[in-house]
N, C-alpha and C. Protein backbone atom coordinates (compact mmCIF):
# COMPACT_ATOMS: atom_id res chain seq x y z
N UNK A 1 -16.05 98.36 162.34
CA UNK A 1 -15.48 98.78 160.88
C UNK A 1 -16.49 98.26 160.08
N UNK A 2 -17.50 98.76 159.55
CA UNK A 2 -18.66 98.09 158.84
C UNK A 2 -19.42 98.34 157.06
N UNK A 3 -20.08 97.98 156.49
CA UNK A 3 -20.62 98.34 155.28
C UNK A 3 -21.59 99.17 155.30
N UNK A 4 -22.28 100.39 155.64
CA UNK A 4 -23.21 100.22 155.64
C UNK A 4 -23.97 101.04 154.60
N UNK A 5 -25.88 99.90 154.15
CA UNK A 5 -26.51 99.88 153.65
C UNK A 5 -27.15 101.39 153.11
N UNK A 6 -26.80 101.43 151.53
CA UNK A 6 -27.74 102.94 151.32
C UNK A 6 -28.70 102.48 150.35
N UNK A 7 -29.73 103.41 150.06
CA UNK A 7 -30.76 103.47 149.30
C UNK A 7 -31.19 104.28 148.53
N UNK A 8 -30.30 104.16 147.71
CA UNK A 8 -29.65 105.41 146.57
C UNK A 8 -31.10 105.32 144.92
N UNK A 9 -31.08 106.68 144.58
CA UNK A 9 -32.39 106.45 143.55
C UNK A 9 -31.84 107.03 142.86
N UNK A 10 -32.36 106.19 140.90
CA UNK A 10 -32.70 105.37 141.54
C UNK A 10 -32.16 103.85 141.40
N UNK A 11 -33.12 102.82 142.16
CA UNK A 11 -32.25 101.77 142.60
C UNK A 11 -31.78 100.93 141.38
N UNK A 12 -32.62 101.03 140.04
CA UNK A 12 -31.13 100.25 138.94
C UNK A 12 -30.03 100.61 138.73
N UNK A 13 -29.31 101.71 139.43
CA UNK A 13 -28.31 102.85 138.65
C UNK A 13 -27.02 101.51 138.97
N UNK A 14 -25.46 102.08 138.73
CA UNK A 14 -24.66 101.86 138.79
C UNK A 14 -23.59 102.13 140.04
N UNK A 15 -24.64 102.88 141.14
CA UNK A 15 -23.93 103.98 142.33
C UNK A 15 -23.88 102.38 143.09
N UNK A 16 -22.56 102.92 143.86
CA UNK A 16 -22.47 101.76 144.91
C UNK A 16 -23.43 101.79 146.30
N UNK A 17 -23.89 100.67 146.73
CA UNK A 17 -25.18 100.66 147.38
C UNK A 17 -24.25 100.61 148.70
N UNK A 18 -22.85 100.44 148.91
CA UNK A 18 -22.46 100.96 150.56
C UNK A 18 -21.68 101.22 150.71
N UNK A 19 -21.62 101.79 151.82
CA UNK A 19 -20.63 103.04 152.65
C UNK A 19 -19.27 102.44 153.53
N UNK A 20 -18.32 102.05 153.24
CA UNK A 20 -17.31 101.70 154.67
C UNK A 20 -17.29 103.09 155.82
N UNK A 21 -17.51 102.06 157.16
CA UNK A 21 -18.38 103.45 158.17
C UNK A 21 -17.69 102.58 158.90
N UNK A 22 -17.71 103.55 159.93
CA UNK A 22 -17.03 102.77 161.47
C UNK A 22 -18.38 103.51 162.65
N UNK A 23 -19.04 102.88 162.59
CA UNK A 23 -20.46 102.62 164.08
C UNK A 23 -20.13 103.28 165.20
N UNK A 24 -20.81 104.39 165.87
CA UNK A 24 -20.76 105.53 166.36
C UNK A 24 -21.45 105.00 167.63
N UNK A 25 -23.40 105.55 167.63
CA UNK A 25 -23.67 104.90 168.52
C UNK A 25 -25.35 104.59 167.65
N UNK A 26 -26.37 104.16 168.51
CA UNK A 26 -27.87 103.68 168.31
C UNK A 26 -28.21 105.31 168.57
N UNK A 27 -29.08 105.91 166.99
CA UNK A 27 -29.79 106.74 168.01
C UNK A 27 -31.21 106.61 168.33
N UNK A 28 -31.63 106.15 169.04
CA UNK A 28 -32.87 105.67 169.95
C UNK A 28 -34.11 105.65 169.62
N UNK A 29 -33.96 105.47 168.31
CA UNK A 29 -35.43 106.07 167.42
C UNK A 29 -36.29 104.46 167.86
N UNK A 30 -37.19 103.93 166.76
CA UNK A 30 -38.10 102.73 167.24
C UNK A 30 -37.25 101.81 165.99
N UNK A 31 -37.16 102.60 164.55
CA UNK A 31 -36.38 101.31 163.61
C UNK A 31 -35.37 100.67 164.10
N UNK A 32 -34.36 101.14 165.04
CA UNK A 32 -32.85 100.59 165.07
C UNK A 32 -32.11 101.41 164.86
N UNK A 33 -32.29 102.76 164.19
CA UNK A 33 -31.05 103.40 163.20
C UNK A 33 -29.75 103.81 163.92
N UNK A 34 -28.59 103.66 163.59
CA UNK A 34 -28.13 104.38 164.27
C UNK A 34 -26.39 105.02 163.56
N UNK A 35 -26.31 105.87 164.14
CA UNK A 35 -25.01 106.96 163.38
C UNK A 35 -23.79 106.31 163.24
N UNK A 36 -23.09 106.33 162.54
CA UNK A 36 -21.90 106.00 161.55
C UNK A 36 -20.88 107.42 160.76
N UNK A 37 -20.00 106.86 161.73
CA UNK A 37 -18.58 108.32 160.44
C UNK A 37 -18.03 107.19 159.17
N UNK A 38 -18.77 108.19 157.75
CA UNK A 38 -18.82 107.90 157.08
C UNK A 38 -16.65 107.69 156.24
N UNK A 39 -16.69 106.95 155.95
CA UNK A 39 -15.35 106.83 155.97
C UNK A 39 -14.68 107.37 154.31
N UNK A 40 -16.06 107.63 153.66
CA UNK A 40 -15.67 108.23 152.14
C UNK A 40 -16.29 109.96 152.73
N UNK A 41 -16.28 110.03 153.19
CA UNK A 41 -17.12 111.50 153.41
C UNK A 41 -16.70 112.19 154.56
N UNK A 42 -16.05 111.52 155.18
CA UNK A 42 -15.87 111.90 157.01
C UNK A 42 -16.78 112.52 157.60
N UNK A 43 -17.88 112.60 157.37
CA UNK A 43 -19.46 113.14 157.70
C UNK A 43 -19.86 111.87 158.33
N UNK A 44 -20.92 112.55 159.68
CA UNK A 44 -22.19 112.20 159.79
C UNK A 44 -22.72 111.65 159.28
N UNK A 45 -23.66 110.06 159.12
CA UNK A 45 -24.75 109.27 158.46
C UNK A 45 -25.45 108.36 159.13
N UNK A 46 -26.60 108.62 158.85
CA UNK A 46 -27.27 107.92 160.29
C UNK A 46 -28.36 106.39 158.80
N UNK A 47 -27.77 104.81 159.11
CA UNK A 47 -28.61 104.13 158.42
C UNK A 47 -29.11 103.22 159.59
N UNK A 48 -30.01 102.38 158.94
CA UNK A 48 -30.60 101.36 159.23
C UNK A 48 -30.34 100.36 159.36
N UNK A 49 -29.24 99.90 158.07
CA UNK A 49 -28.50 97.98 158.19
C UNK A 49 -27.31 98.58 157.34
N UNK A 50 -27.15 97.39 158.02
CA UNK A 50 -24.87 97.81 157.63
C UNK A 50 -24.92 96.36 158.00
N UNK A 51 -23.59 95.55 157.29
CA UNK A 51 -22.89 94.49 157.68
C UNK A 51 -21.68 94.51 158.13
N UNK A 52 -21.39 93.85 159.68
CA UNK A 52 -20.05 94.27 160.26
C UNK A 52 -18.97 93.08 159.77
N UNK A 53 -17.47 93.75 159.52
CA UNK A 53 -16.66 93.16 158.97
C UNK A 53 -15.34 92.81 160.16
N UNK A 54 -14.69 92.26 159.65
CA UNK A 54 -13.27 92.74 160.85
C UNK A 54 -12.64 94.11 160.08
N UNK A 55 -11.80 95.01 160.98
CA UNK A 55 -10.96 95.75 160.55
C UNK A 55 -10.09 95.71 160.07
N UNK A 56 -9.63 96.09 158.39
CA UNK A 56 -8.59 95.48 157.56
C UNK A 56 -7.58 96.66 158.13
N UNK A 57 -6.45 96.27 158.15
CA UNK A 57 -4.53 97.57 158.47
C UNK A 57 -5.45 98.76 157.42
N UNK A 58 -6.13 98.73 156.36
CA UNK A 58 -6.55 99.98 155.25
C UNK A 58 -7.93 100.07 155.56
N UNK A 59 -8.70 100.12 156.25
CA UNK A 59 -9.27 101.01 157.28
C UNK A 59 -8.71 102.08 158.63
N UNK A 60 -7.78 101.12 159.53
CA UNK A 60 -6.69 101.67 160.55
C UNK A 60 -6.64 102.78 159.87
N UNK A 61 -5.85 102.72 159.21
CA UNK A 61 -4.45 104.14 158.73
C UNK A 61 -5.62 104.73 157.60
N UNK A 62 -6.87 105.05 156.85
CA UNK A 62 -7.54 105.71 156.99
C UNK A 62 -8.21 106.48 158.62
N UNK A 63 -8.60 105.63 158.92
CA UNK A 63 -9.31 106.62 160.18
C UNK A 63 -7.59 107.20 161.47
N UNK A 64 -6.64 106.79 160.96
CA UNK A 64 -5.80 107.67 161.50
C UNK A 64 -4.81 108.89 160.61
N UNK A 65 -5.76 108.51 158.99
CA UNK A 65 -5.77 109.60 157.94
C UNK A 65 -6.42 111.52 158.60
N UNK A 66 -7.70 110.89 159.35
CA UNK A 66 -8.44 111.74 159.72
C UNK A 66 -8.13 112.01 160.96
N UNK A 67 -7.95 111.74 161.34
CA UNK A 67 -7.31 112.17 162.57
C UNK A 67 -6.23 112.78 162.45
N UNK A 68 -4.95 112.47 161.85
CA UNK A 68 -3.96 113.97 161.50
C UNK A 68 -4.50 114.80 160.99
N UNK A 69 -5.30 114.46 160.61
CA UNK A 69 -6.60 116.04 159.29
C UNK A 69 -6.42 116.82 160.38
N UNK A 70 -7.36 116.22 161.23
CA UNK A 70 -7.35 116.75 162.18
C UNK A 70 -6.66 117.46 163.91
N UNK A 71 -6.20 117.17 163.55
CA UNK A 71 -4.53 117.16 164.22
C UNK A 71 -4.69 116.78 165.88
N UNK A 72 -5.57 115.51 165.70
CA UNK A 72 -5.75 114.47 167.06
C UNK A 72 -4.03 114.10 167.50
N UNK A 73 -4.43 113.90 168.85
CA UNK A 73 -2.66 112.96 169.00
C UNK A 73 -2.59 111.76 168.25
N UNK A 74 -1.83 111.40 168.45
CA UNK A 74 -1.29 110.13 167.80
C UNK A 74 -3.04 109.08 168.53
N UNK A 75 -2.60 108.57 169.67
CA UNK A 75 -3.12 107.46 170.12
C UNK A 75 -4.57 107.88 170.61
N UNK A 76 -5.48 108.77 170.19
CA UNK A 76 -6.70 109.44 170.05
C UNK A 76 -7.43 109.64 168.61
N UNK A 77 -8.49 109.27 168.95
CA UNK A 77 -9.58 110.41 167.93
C UNK A 77 -10.99 110.32 168.46
N UNK A 78 -11.45 111.90 168.57
CA UNK A 78 -12.52 112.40 169.24
C UNK A 78 -13.15 112.77 167.95
N UNK A 79 -14.48 112.36 168.43
CA UNK A 79 -15.59 112.55 167.55
C UNK A 79 -16.84 113.70 167.96
N UNK A 80 -16.41 115.17 167.71
CA UNK A 80 -16.63 116.47 168.55
C UNK A 80 -17.91 116.29 168.68
N UNK A 81 -18.83 116.34 167.44
CA UNK A 81 -20.65 116.24 167.20
C UNK A 81 -20.83 115.27 167.59
N UNK A 82 -21.82 115.83 169.09
CA UNK A 82 -22.65 114.99 169.82
C UNK A 82 -24.02 114.60 168.98
N UNK A 83 -24.38 115.60 168.05
CA UNK A 83 -25.66 115.61 168.04
C UNK A 83 -26.35 114.65 166.52
């Protein structure tokens, strides 16, 4: 579990500057970008900067909700989009 650092425009707005996410894998580019599963939107996002945190029970419950919505068995969570 991590908080990915966003770069909202304009920079002086009151928009959140991080997104709760689950790290998936590196993209393989020179900048060190990784792919993440956004826990806010349920979509794939790419970010260069993030902060790792211990995974609280509330995040586990949220991931389980996404799995149930996608009709996954209780003990699995499959990311089918490999792009």
